[in-house]
Amino acid sequence: MNRCFTENLASLPSVDHLAGIELVGPDETVVVIENRPGSQGSLRLYLHLLTKFGAINASAAAEGLLLYAEHTQDARQNPGKHPNIDRLLEIEASRLAFIARLLPVTH
């Protein structure tokens, strides 16, 4: 996976049917990645990871960091700039997992 994030993103599933993904951490912390401009790429990436791994665990985090490509290095150099990548870095390092609930679009 030597592609850039934009190329990786093009191969991921659509999130048109989702309002977001709710992630629940081991300490019951709840984080929501919303389907809105600026976070749709992360939503697509996290949906892919959840579909493949069933949770956001260390294995999912490792793949996610590869898929974020050039943004992963920027996140390592600038903690706090990319919270969705920071979360994956923390999960990979701690070996903890987040469970998730898909939030469907409601009309």
PDB file of N, CA and C in Angstrom:
ATOM      1  N   MET A   1       0.834  -1.186   0.000  1.00  0.00           N
ATOM      2  CA  MET A   1       0.000   0.000   0.000  1.00  0.00           C
ATOM      3  C   MET A   1       0.876   1.245   0.000  1.00  0.00           C
ATOM      4  N   ASN A   2       1.447   1.544  -1.111  1.00  0.00           N
ATOM      5  CA  ASN A   2       2.291   2.719  -1.243  1.00  0.00           C
ATOM      6  C   ASN A   2       1.536   3.894  -1.841  1.00  0.00           C
ATOM      7  N   ARG A   3       0.231   3.778  -1.936  1.00  0.00           N
ATOM      8  CA  ARG A   3      -0.560   4.834  -2.536  1.00  0.00           C
ATOM      9  C   ARG A   3      -0.769   5.977  -1.542  1.00  0.00           C
ATOM     10  N   CYS A   4      -1.236   7.100  -2.047  1.00  0.00           N
ATOM     11  CA  CYS A   4      -1.543   8.230  -1.166  1.00  0.00           C
ATOM     12  C   CYS A   4      -2.954   8.042  -0.601  1.00  0.00           C
ATOM     13  N   PHE A   5      -3.286   8.839   0.396  1.00  0.00           N
ATOM     14  CA  PHE A   5      -4.579   8.713   1.070  1.00  0.00           C
ATOM     15  C   PHE A   5      -5.741   8.836   0.084  1.00  0.00           C
ATOM     16  N   THR A   6      -5.673   9.796  -0.832  1.00  0.00           N
ATOM     17  CA  THR A   6      -6.762  10.003  -1.795  1.00  0.00           C
ATOM     18  C   THR A   6      -6.985   8.758  -2.639  1.00  0.00           C
ATOM     19  N   GLU A   7      -5.908   8.111  -3.069  1.00  0.00           N
ATOM     20  CA  GLU A   7      -6.040   6.881  -3.859  1.00  0.00           C
ATOM     21  C   GLU A   7      -6.609   5.748  -3.002  1.00  0.00           C
ATOM     22  N   ASN A   8      -6.142   5.643  -1.760  1.00  0.00           N
ATOM     23  CA  ASN A   8      -6.673   4.612  -0.863  1.00  0.00           C
ATOM     24  C   ASN A   8      -8.162   4.840  -0.611  1.00  0.00           C
ATOM     25  N   LEU A   9      -8.536   6.090  -0.408  1.00  0.00           N
ATOM     26  CA  LEU A   9      -9.918   6.446  -0.113  1.00  0.00           C
ATOM     27  C   LEU A   9     -10.849   6.049  -1.259  1.00  0.00           C
ATOM     28  N   ALA A  10     -10.374   6.179  -2.476  1.00  0.00           N
ATOM     29  CA  ALA A  10     -11.195   5.855  -3.646  1.00  0.00           C
ATOM     30  C   ALA A  10     -11.623   4.389  -3.664  1.00  0.00           C
ATOM     31  N   SER A  11     -10.875   3.523  -2.994  1.00  0.00           N
ATOM     32  CA  SER A  11     -11.205   2.094  -2.988  1.00  0.00           C
ATOM     33  C   SER A  11     -12.098   1.695  -1.815  1.00  0.00           C
ATOM     34  N   LEU A  12     -12.450   2.644  -0.952  1.00  0.00           N
ATOM     35  CA  LEU A  12     -13.231   2.324   0.241  1.00  0.00           C
ATOM     36  C   LEU A  12     -14.729   2.515  -0.012  1.00  0.00           C
ATOM     37  N   PRO A  13     -15.562   1.827   0.779  1.00  0.00           N
ATOM     38  CA  PRO A  13     -17.006   1.893   0.559  1.00  0.00           C
ATOM     39  C   PRO A  13     -17.593   3.282   0.827  1.00  0.00           C
ATOM     40  N   SER A  14     -18.723   3.522   0.212  1.00  0.00           N
ATOM     41  CA  SER A  14     -19.464   4.767   0.406  1.00  0.00           C
ATOM     42  C   SER A  14     -20.043   4.820   1.819  1.00  0.00           C
ATOM     43  N   VAL A  15     -20.262   6.025   2.302  1.00  0.00           N
ATOM     44  CA  VAL A  15     -20.885   6.211   3.615  1.00  0.00           C
ATOM     45  C   VAL A  15     -22.167   7.030   3.495  1.00  0.00           C
ATOM     46  N   ASP A  16     -22.743   7.079   2.311  1.00  0.00           N
ATOM     47  CA  ASP A  16     -23.956   7.871   2.087  1.00  0.00           C
ATOM     48  C   ASP A  16     -25.107   7.447   2.988  1.00  0.00           C
ATOM     49  N   HIS A  17     -25.112   6.192   3.398  1.00  0.00           N
ATOM     50  CA  HIS A  17     -26.185   5.657   4.235  1.00  0.00           C
ATOM     51  C   HIS A  17     -25.973   5.914   5.725  1.00  0.00           C
ATOM     52  N   LEU A  18     -24.840   6.505   6.082  1.00  0.00           N
ATOM     53  CA  LEU A  18     -24.515   6.712   7.494  1.00  0.00           C
ATOM     54  C   LEU A  18     -24.539   8.183   7.889  1.00  0.00           C
ATOM     55  N   ALA A  19     -25.036   8.437   9.086  1.00  0.00           N
ATOM     56  CA  ALA A  19     -24.909   9.767   9.692  1.00  0.00           C
ATOM     57  C   ALA A  19     -23.583   9.846  10.434  1.00  0.00           C
ATOM     58  N   GLY A  20     -23.046   8.665  10.815  1.00  0.00           N
ATOM     59  CA  GLY A  20     -21.779   8.620  11.511  1.00  0.00           C
ATOM     60  C   GLY A  20     -21.517   7.248  12.092  1.00  0.00           C
ATOM     61  N   ILE A  21     -20.425   7.160  12.823  1.00  0.00           N
ATOM     62  CA  ILE A  21     -20.054   5.951  13.554  1.00  0.00           C
ATOM     63  C   ILE A  21     -19.773   6.390  14.988  1.00  0.00           C
ATOM     64  N   GLU A  22     -20.377   5.685  15.923  1.00  0.00           N
ATOM     65  CA  GLU A  22     -20.133   5.934  17.345  1.00  0.00           C
ATOM     66  C   GLU A  22     -19.128   4.895  17.830  1.00  0.00           C
ATOM     67  N   LEU A  23     -18.026   5.357  18.371  1.00  0.00           N
ATOM     68  CA  LEU A  23     -16.993   4.470  18.898  1.00  0.00           C
ATOM     69  C   LEU A  23     -17.022   4.531  20.419  1.00  0.00           C
ATOM     70  N   VAL A  24     -16.978   3.369  21.061  1.00  0.00           N
ATOM     71  CA  VAL A  24     -16.963   3.303  22.514  1.00  0.00           C
ATOM     72  C   VAL A  24     -15.661   2.635  22.940  1.00  0.00           C
ATOM     73  N   GLY A  25     -14.874   3.376  23.705  1.00  0.00           N
ATOM     74  CA  GLY A  25     -13.584   2.878  24.165  1.00  0.00           C
ATOM     75  C   GLY A  25     -13.701   1.998  25.387  1.00  0.00           C
ATOM     76  N   PRO A  26     -12.595   1.385  25.778  1.00  0.00           N
ATOM     77  CA  PRO A  26     -12.600   0.470  26.924  1.00  0.00           C
ATOM     78  C   PRO A  26     -12.967   1.170  28.236  1.00  0.00           C
ATOM     79  N   ASP A  27     -12.778   2.480  28.303  1.00  0.00           N
ATOM     80  CA  ASP A  27     -13.140   3.233  29.510  1.00  0.00           C
ATOM     81  C   ASP A  27     -14.513   3.880  29.371  1.00  0.00           C
ATOM     82  N   GLU A  28     -15.293   3.403  28.386  1.00  0.00           N
ATOM     83  CA  GLU A  28     -16.644   3.905  28.100  1.00  0.00           C
ATOM     84  C   GLU A  28     -16.655   5.291  27.447  1.00  0.00           C
ATOM     85  N   THR A  29     -15.493   5.803  27.047  1.00  0.00           N
ATOM     86  CA  THR A  29     -15.434   7.056  26.307  1.00  0.00           C
ATOM     87  C   THR A  29     -16.143   6.868  24.974  1.00  0.00           C
ATOM     88  N   VAL A  30     -16.993   7.823  24.616  1.00  0.00           N
ATOM     89  CA  VAL A  30     -17.730   7.744  23.359  1.00  0.00           C
ATOM     90  C   VAL A  30     -17.237   8.851  22.430  1.00  0.00           C
ATOM     91  N   VAL A  31     -16.922   8.468  21.212  1.00  0.00           N
ATOM     92  CA  VAL A  31     -16.492   9.399  20.177  1.00  0.00           C
ATOM     93  C   VAL A  31     -17.372   9.149  18.958  1.00  0.00           C
ATOM     94  N   VAL A  32     -17.807  10.218  18.304  1.00  0.00           N
ATOM     95  CA  VAL A  32     -18.605  10.065  17.089  1.00  0.00           C
ATOM     96  C   VAL A  32     -17.848  10.690  15.927  1.00  0.00           C
ATOM     97  N   ILE A  33     -17.698   9.918  14.862  1.00  0.00           N
ATOM     98  CA  ILE A  33     -17.162  10.440  13.602  1.00  0.00           C
ATOM     99  C   ILE A  33     -18.378  10.690  12.727  1.00  0.00           C
ATOM    100  N   GLU A  34     -18.645  11.950  12.443  1.00  0.00           N
ATOM    101  CA  GLU A  34     -19.850  12.330  11.718  1.00  0.00           C
ATOM    102  C   GLU A  34     -19.625  12.349  10.216  1.00  0.00           C
ATOM    103  N   ASN A  35     -20.721  12.146   9.494  1.00  0.00           N
ATOM    104  CA  ASN A  35     -20.690  12.223   8.040  1.00  0.00           C
ATOM    105  C   ASN A  35     -20.895  13.687   7.649  1.00  0.00           C
ATOM    106  N   ARG A  36     -19.799  14.407   7.653  1.00  0.00           N
ATOM    107  CA  ARG A  36     -19.823  15.826   7.290  1.00  0.00           C
ATOM    108  C   ARG A  36     -18.491  16.168   6.629  1.00  0.00           C
ATOM    109  N   PRO A  37     -18.473  17.251   5.855  1.00  0.00           N
ATOM    110  CA  PRO A  37     -17.214  17.642   5.216  1.00  0.00           C
ATOM    111  C   PRO A  37     -16.094  17.759   6.249  1.00  0.00           C
ATOM    112  N   GLY A  38     -14.944  17.235   5.888  1.00  0.00           N
ATOM    113  CA  GLY A  38     -13.795  17.259   6.777  1.00  0.00           C
ATOM    114  C   GLY A  38     -13.595  15.961   7.536  1.00  0.00           C
ATOM    115  N   SER A  39     -14.645  15.167   7.659  1.00  0.00           N
ATOM    116  CA  SER A  39     -14.490  13.886   8.353  1.00  0.00           C
ATOM    117  C   SER A  39     -15.021  12.704   7.550  1.00  0.00           C
ATOM    118  N   GLN A  40     -15.510  12.953   6.329  1.00  0.00           N
ATOM    119  CA  GLN A  40     -16.052  11.857   5.520  1.00  0.00           C
ATOM    120  C   GLN A  40     -14.986  10.832   5.142  1.00  0.00           C
ATOM    121  N   GLY A  41     -13.763  11.274   4.902  1.00  0.00           N
ATOM    122  CA  GLY A  41     -12.688  10.335   4.593  1.00  0.00           C
ATOM    123  C   GLY A  41     -12.416   9.411   5.764  1.00  0.00           C
ATOM    124  N   SER A  42     -12.365   9.981   6.959  1.00  0.00           N
ATOM    125  CA  SER A  42     -12.164   9.154   8.154  1.00  0.00           C
ATOM    126  C   SER A  42     -13.338   8.222   8.370  1.00  0.00           C
ATOM    127  N   LEU A  43     -14.543   8.696   8.125  1.00  0.00           N
ATOM    128  CA  LEU A  43     -15.721   7.846   8.274  1.00  0.00           C
ATOM    129  C   LEU A  43     -15.628   6.651   7.330  1.00  0.00           C
ATOM    130  N   ARG A  44     -15.252   6.893   6.089  1.00  0.00           N
ATOM    131  CA  ARG A  44     -15.106   5.798   5.122  1.00  0.00           C
ATOM    132  C   ARG A  44     -14.021   4.815   5.572  1.00  0.00           C
ATOM    133  N   LEU A  45     -12.911   5.342   6.043  1.00  0.00           N
ATOM    134  CA  LEU A  45     -11.803   4.490   6.473  1.00  0.00           C
ATOM    135  C   LEU A  45     -12.204   3.658   7.691  1.00  0.00           C
ATOM    136  N   TYR A  46     -12.816   4.282   8.681  1.00  0.00           N
ATOM    137  CA  TYR A  46     -13.241   3.553   9.879  1.00  0.00           C
ATOM    138  C   TYR A  46     -14.309   2.509   9.533  1.00  0.00           C
ATOM    139  N   LEU A  47     -15.237   2.826   8.616  1.00  0.00           N
ATOM    140  CA  LEU A  47     -16.238   1.838   8.198  1.00  0.00           C
ATOM    141  C   LEU A  47     -15.548   0.621   7.581  1.00  0.00           C
ATOM    142  N   HIS A  48     -14.566   0.863   6.741  1.00  0.00           N
ATOM    143  CA  HIS A  48     -13.802  -0.242   6.147  1.00  0.00           C
ATOM    144  C   HIS A  48     -13.163  -1.099   7.240  1.00  0.00           C
ATOM    145  N   LEU A  49     -12.539  -0.449   8.217  1.00  0.00           N
ATOM    146  CA  LEU A  49     -11.872  -1.191   9.287  1.00  0.00           C
ATOM    147  C   LEU A  49     -12.873  -1.996  10.116  1.00  0.00           C
ATOM    148  N   LEU A  50     -14.014  -1.400  10.403  1.00  0.00           N
ATOM    149  CA  LEU A  50     -15.042  -2.114  11.173  1.00  0.00           C
ATOM    150  C   LEU A  50     -15.584  -3.305  10.406  1.00  0.00           C
ATOM    151  N   THR A  51     -15.792  -3.141   9.117  1.00  0.00           N
ATOM    152  CA  THR A  51     -16.293  -4.233   8.288  1.00  0.00           C
ATOM    153  C   THR A  51     -15.286  -5.378   8.251  1.00  0.00           C
ATOM    154  N   LYS A  52     -14.025  -5.046   8.144  1.00  0.00           N
ATOM    155  CA  LYS A  52     -12.986  -6.070   8.031  1.00  0.00           C
ATOM    156  C   LYS A  52     -12.631  -6.718   9.367  1.00  0.00           C
ATOM    157  N   PHE A  53     -12.544  -5.922  10.454  1.00  0.00           N
ATOM    158  CA  PHE A  53     -12.043  -6.424  11.731  1.00  0.00           C
ATOM    159  C   PHE A  53     -13.122  -6.590  12.805  1.00  0.00           C
ATOM    160  N   GLY A  54     -14.302  -5.995  12.634  1.00  0.00           N
ATOM    161  CA  GLY A  54     -15.372  -6.125  13.617  1.00  0.00           C
ATOM    162  C   GLY A  54     -15.269  -5.154  14.783  1.00  0.00           C
ATOM    163  N   ALA A  55     -14.128  -4.523  14.940  1.00  0.00           N
ATOM    164  CA  ALA A  55     -13.880  -3.524  15.991  1.00  0.00           C
ATOM    165  C   ALA A  55     -12.648  -2.738  15.564  1.00  0.00           C
ATOM    166  N   ILE A  56     -12.403  -1.657  16.252  1.00  0.00           N
ATOM    167  CA  ILE A  56     -11.169  -0.912  15.991  1.00  0.00           C
ATOM    168  C   ILE A  56     -10.164  -1.370  17.042  1.00  0.00           C
ATOM    169  N   ASN A  57      -9.411  -2.409  16.685  1.00  0.00           N
ATOM    170  CA  ASN A  57      -8.405  -2.988  17.572  1.00  0.00           C
ATOM    171  C   ASN A  57      -7.010  -2.695  17.001  1.00  0.00           C
ATOM    172  N   ALA A  58      -5.992  -3.291  17.591  1.00  0.00           N
ATOM    173  CA  ALA A  58      -4.618  -3.007  17.156  1.00  0.00           C
ATOM    174  C   ALA A  58      -4.389  -3.383  15.692  1.00  0.00           C
ATOM    175  N   SER A  59      -4.955  -4.498  15.244  1.00  0.00           N
ATOM    176  CA  SER A  59      -4.780  -4.898  13.845  1.00  0.00           C
ATOM    177  C   SER A  59      -5.471  -3.914  12.905  1.00  0.00           C
ATOM    178  N   ALA A  60      -6.674  -3.500  13.274  1.00  0.00           N
ATOM    179  CA  ALA A  60      -7.398  -2.509  12.472  1.00  0.00           C
ATOM    180  C   ALA A  60      -6.642  -1.192  12.453  1.00  0.00           C
ATOM    181  N   ALA A  61      -6.123  -0.795  13.612  1.00  0.00           N
ATOM    182  CA  ALA A  61      -5.374   0.469  13.700  1.00  0.00           C
ATOM    183  C   ALA A  61      -4.154   0.437  12.793  1.00  0.00           C
ATOM    184  N   ALA A  62      -3.430  -0.672  12.781  1.00  0.00           N
ATOM    185  CA  ALA A  62      -2.240  -0.775  11.936  1.00  0.00           C
ATOM    186  C   ALA A  62      -2.604  -0.607  10.465  1.00  0.00           C
ATOM    187  N   GLU A  63      -3.685  -1.260  10.032  1.00  0.00           N
ATOM    188  CA  GLU A  63      -4.102  -1.112   8.633  1.00  0.00           C
ATOM    189  C   GLU A  63      -4.573   0.315   8.361  1.00  0.00           C
ATOM    190  N   GLY A  64      -5.320   0.878   9.297  1.00  0.00           N
ATOM    191  CA  GLY A  64      -5.799   2.245   9.133  1.00  0.00           C
ATOM    192  C   GLY A  64      -4.666   3.241   8.984  1.00  0.00           C
ATOM    193  N   LEU A  65      -3.611   3.048   9.754  1.00  0.00           N
ATOM    194  CA  LEU A  65      -2.462   3.956   9.665  1.00  0.00           C
ATOM    195  C   LEU A  65      -1.789   3.842   8.298  1.00  0.00           C
ATOM    196  N   LEU A  66      -1.761   2.648   7.736  1.00  0.00           N
ATOM    197  CA  LEU A  66      -1.229   2.484   6.377  1.00  0.00           C
ATOM    198  C   LEU A  66      -2.126   3.190   5.360  1.00  0.00           C
ATOM    199  N   LEU A  67      -3.443   3.063   5.543  1.00  0.00           N
ATOM    200  CA  LEU A  67      -4.382   3.670   4.598  1.00  0.00           C
ATOM    201  C   LEU A  67      -4.376   5.198   4.670  1.00  0.00           C
ATOM    202  N   TYR A  68      -4.141   5.742   5.847  1.00  0.00           N
ATOM    203  CA  TYR A  68      -4.059   7.200   5.972  1.00  0.00           C
ATOM    204  C   TYR A  68      -2.800   7.743   5.280  1.00  0.00           C
ATOM    205  N   ALA A  69      -1.882   6.853   4.962  1.00  0.00           N
ATOM    206  CA  ALA A  69      -0.685   7.160   4.160  1.00  0.00           C
ATOM    207  C   ALA A  69       0.067   8.380   4.683  1.00  0.00           C
ATOM    208  N   GLU A  70       0.213   9.392   3.849  1.00  0.00           N
ATOM    209  CA  GLU A  70       1.027  10.565   4.203  1.00  0.00           C
ATOM    210  C   GLU A  70       0.482  11.323   5.419  1.00  0.00           C
ATOM    211  N   HIS A  71      -0.797  11.177   5.709  1.00  0.00           N
ATOM    212  CA  HIS A  71      -1.371  11.879   6.864  1.00  0.00           C
ATOM    213  C   HIS A  71      -0.916  11.264   8.188  1.00  0.00           C
ATOM    214  N   THR A  72      -0.543   9.982   8.172  1.00  0.00           N
ATOM    215  CA  THR A  72      -0.059   9.332   9.394  1.00  0.00           C
ATOM    216  C   THR A  72       1.240   9.981   9.864  1.00  0.00           C
ATOM    217  N   GLN A  73       2.160  10.220   8.952  1.00  0.00           N
ATOM    218  CA  GLN A  73       3.421  10.864   9.341  1.00  0.00           C
ATOM    219  C   GLN A  73       3.165  12.273   9.867  1.00  0.00           C
ATOM    220  N   ASP A  74       2.255  13.000   9.234  1.00  0.00           N
ATOM    221  CA  ASP A  74       1.916  14.346   9.703  1.00  0.00           C
ATOM    222  C   ASP A  74       1.322  14.283  11.110  1.00  0.00           C
ATOM    223  N   ALA A  75       0.487  13.275  11.366  1.00  0.00           N
ATOM    224  CA  ALA A  75      -0.110  13.116  12.698  1.00  0.00           C
ATOM    225  C   ALA A  75       0.957  12.801  13.742  1.00  0.00           C
ATOM    226  N   ARG A  76       1.933  11.976  13.379  1.00  0.00           N
ATOM    227  CA  ARG A  76       3.030  11.659  14.321  1.00  0.00           C
ATOM    228  C   ARG A  76       3.833  12.912  14.665  1.00  0.00           C
ATOM    229  N   GLN A  77       4.021  13.775  13.680  1.00  0.00           N
ATOM    230  CA  GLN A  77       4.809  14.993  13.888  1.00  0.00           C
ATOM    231  C   GLN A  77       4.006  16.119  14.528  1.00  0.00           C
ATOM    232  N   ASN A  78       2.682  16.045  14.459  1.00  0.00           N
ATOM    233  CA  ASN A  78       1.812  17.112  14.956  1.00  0.00           C
ATOM    234  C   ASN A  78       0.654  16.536  15.765  1.00  0.00           C
ATOM    235  N   PRO A  79       0.945  16.002  16.968  1.00  0.00           N
ATOM    236  CA  PRO A  79      -0.125  15.422  17.785  1.00  0.00           C
ATOM    237  C   PRO A  79      -1.267  16.419  17.982  1.00  0.00           C
ATOM    238  N   GLY A  80      -2.487  15.910  17.833  1.00  0.00           N
ATOM    239  CA  GLY A  80      -3.668  16.735  17.997  1.00  0.00           C
ATOM    240  C   GLY A  80      -4.224  17.294  16.702  1.00  0.00           C
ATOM    241  N   LYS A  81      -3.425  17.304  15.658  1.00  0.00           N
ATOM    242  CA  LYS A  81      -3.862  17.853  14.378  1.00  0.00           C
ATOM    243  C   LYS A  81      -4.849  16.920  13.667  1.00  0.00           C
ATOM    244  N   HIS A  82      -4.689  15.624  13.856  1.00  0.00           N
ATOM    245  CA  HIS A  82      -5.517  14.610  13.192  1.00  0.00           C
ATOM    246  C   HIS A  82      -6.084  13.656  14.259  1.00  0.00           C
ATOM    247  N   PRO A  83      -7.160  14.043  14.953  1.00  0.00           N
ATOM    248  CA  PRO A  83      -7.646  13.219  16.068  1.00  0.00           C
ATOM    249  C   PRO A  83      -8.038  11.794  15.690  1.00  0.00           C
ATOM    250  N   ASN A  84      -8.547  11.582  14.481  1.00  0.00           N
ATOM    251  CA  ASN A  84      -8.933  10.224  14.091  1.00  0.00           C
ATOM    252  C   ASN A  84      -7.711   9.344  13.841  1.00  0.00           C
ATOM    253  N   ILE A  85      -6.617   9.942  13.430  1.00  0.00           N
ATOM    254  CA  ILE A  85      -5.358   9.190  13.279  1.00  0.00           C
ATOM    255  C   ILE A  85      -4.706   9.020  14.647  1.00  0.00           C
ATOM    256  N   ASP A  86      -4.739  10.070  15.462  1.00  0.00           N
ATOM    257  CA  ASP A  86      -4.195   9.971  16.822  1.00  0.00           C
ATOM    258  C   ASP A  86      -4.829   8.799  17.575  1.00  0.00           C
ATOM    259  N   ARG A  87      -6.142   8.616  17.393  1.00  0.00           N
ATOM    260  CA  ARG A  87      -6.849   7.511  18.053  1.00  0.00           C
ATOM    261  C   ARG A  87      -6.273   6.175  17.602  1.00  0.00           C
ATOM    262  N   LEU A  88      -6.018   6.029  16.301  1.00  0.00           N
ATOM    263  CA  LEU A  88      -5.445   4.771  15.804  1.00  0.00           C
ATOM    264  C   LEU A  88      -4.035   4.556  16.344  1.00  0.00           C
ATOM    265  N   LEU A  89      -3.248   5.607  16.428  1.00  0.00           N
ATOM    266  CA  LEU A  89      -1.898   5.483  16.999  1.00  0.00           C
ATOM    267  C   LEU A  89      -1.975   5.009  18.448  1.00  0.00           C
ATOM    268  N   GLU A  90      -2.923   5.562  19.201  1.00  0.00           N
ATOM    269  CA  GLU A  90      -3.101   5.170  20.607  1.00  0.00           C
ATOM    270  C   GLU A  90      -3.568   3.722  20.722  1.00  0.00           C
ATOM    271  N   ILE A  91      -4.501   3.327  19.873  1.00  0.00           N
ATOM    272  CA  ILE A  91      -5.002   1.948  19.902  1.00  0.00           C
ATOM    273  C   ILE A  91      -3.901   0.970  19.541  1.00  0.00           C
ATOM    274  N   GLU A  92      -3.124   1.300  18.530  1.00  0.00           N
ATOM    275  CA  GLU A  92      -2.025   0.409  18.132  1.00  0.00           C
ATOM    276  C   GLU A  92      -1.015   0.255  19.266  1.00  0.00           C
ATOM    277  N   ALA A  93      -0.690   1.351  19.934  1.00  0.00           N
ATOM    278  CA  ALA A  93       0.304   1.314  21.013  1.00  0.00           C
ATOM    279  C   ALA A  93      -0.230   0.622  22.264  1.00  0.00           C
ATOM    280  N   SER A  94      -1.493   0.843  22.598  1.00  0.00           N
ATOM    281  CA  SER A  94      -2.051   0.318  23.848  1.00  0.00           C
ATOM    282  C   SER A  94      -2.593  -1.105  23.709  1.00  0.00           C
ATOM    283  N   ARG A  95      -2.865  -1.512  22.461  1.00  0.00           N
ATOM    284  CA  ARG A  95      -3.464  -2.817  22.168  1.00  0.00           C
ATOM    285  C   ARG A  95      -4.887  -2.923  22.702  1.00  0.00           C
ATOM    286  N   LEU A  96      -5.529  -1.786  22.993  1.00  0.00           N
ATOM    287  CA  LEU A  96      -6.918  -1.768  23.421  1.00  0.00           C
ATOM    288  C   LEU A  96      -7.809  -1.681  22.191  1.00  0.00           C
ATOM    289  N   ALA A  97      -9.113  -1.811  22.388  1.00  0.00           N
ATOM    290  CA  ALA A  97     -10.025  -1.791  21.248  1.00  0.00           C
ATOM    291  C   ALA A  97     -11.238  -0.908  21.529  1.00  0.00           C
ATOM    292  N   PHE A  98     -11.786  -0.363  20.470  1.00  0.00           N
ATOM    293  CA  PHE A  98     -13.039   0.377  20.509  1.00  0.00           C
ATOM    294  C   PHE A  98     -14.088  -0.457  19.792  1.00  0.00           C
ATOM    295  N   ILE A  99     -15.266  -0.558  20.366  1.00  0.00           N
ATOM    296  CA  ILE A  99     -16.385  -1.171  19.669  1.00  0.00           C
ATOM    297  C   ILE A  99     -17.135  -0.037  18.967  1.00  0.00           C
ATOM    298  N   ALA A 100     -17.994  -0.374  18.048  1.00  0.00           N
ATOM    299  CA  ALA A 100     -18.637   0.681  17.266  1.00  0.00           C
ATOM    300  C   ALA A 100     -20.090   0.359  16.997  1.00  0.00           C
ATOM    301  N   ARG A 101     -20.816   1.438  16.747  1.00  0.00           N
ATOM    302  CA  ARG A 101     -22.216   1.337  16.342  1.00  0.00           C
ATOM    303  C   ARG A 101     -22.394   2.271  15.159  1.00  0.00           C
ATOM    304  N   LEU A 102     -22.952   1.732  14.078  1.00  0.00           N
ATOM    305  CA  LEU A 102     -23.218   2.550  12.899  1.00  0.00           C
ATOM    306  C   LEU A 102     -24.462   3.376  13.155  1.00  0.00           C
ATOM    307  N   LEU A 103     -24.408   4.649  12.800  1.00  0.00           N
ATOM    308  CA  LEU A 103     -25.525   5.560  12.973  1.00  0.00           C
ATOM    309  C   LEU A 103     -26.132   5.822  11.604  1.00  0.00           C
ATOM    310  N   PRO A 104     -27.295   5.214  11.310  1.00  0.00           N
ATOM    311  CA  PRO A 104     -27.884   5.379   9.981  1.00  0.00           C
ATOM    312  C   PRO A 104     -28.431   6.790   9.781  1.00  0.00           C
ATOM    313  N   VAL A 105     -28.499   7.178   8.522  1.00  0.00           N
ATOM    314  CA  VAL A 105     -29.121   8.458   8.169  1.00  0.00           C
ATOM    315  C   VAL A 105     -30.603   8.327   8.467  1.00  0.00           C
ATOM    316  N   THR A 106     -31.158   9.309   9.121  1.00  0.00           N
ATOM    317  CA  THR A 106     -32.604   9.315   9.373  1.00  0.00           C
ATOM    318  C   THR A 106     -33.213  10.488   8.612  1.00  0.00           C
ATOM    319  N   HIS A 107     -34.344  10.270   8.049  1.00  0.00           N
ATOM    320  CA  HIS A 107     -34.976  11.325   7.225  1.00  0.00           C
ATOM    321  C   HIS A 107     -36.118  11.955   7.945  1.00  0.00           C
TER     322      HIS A 107
END
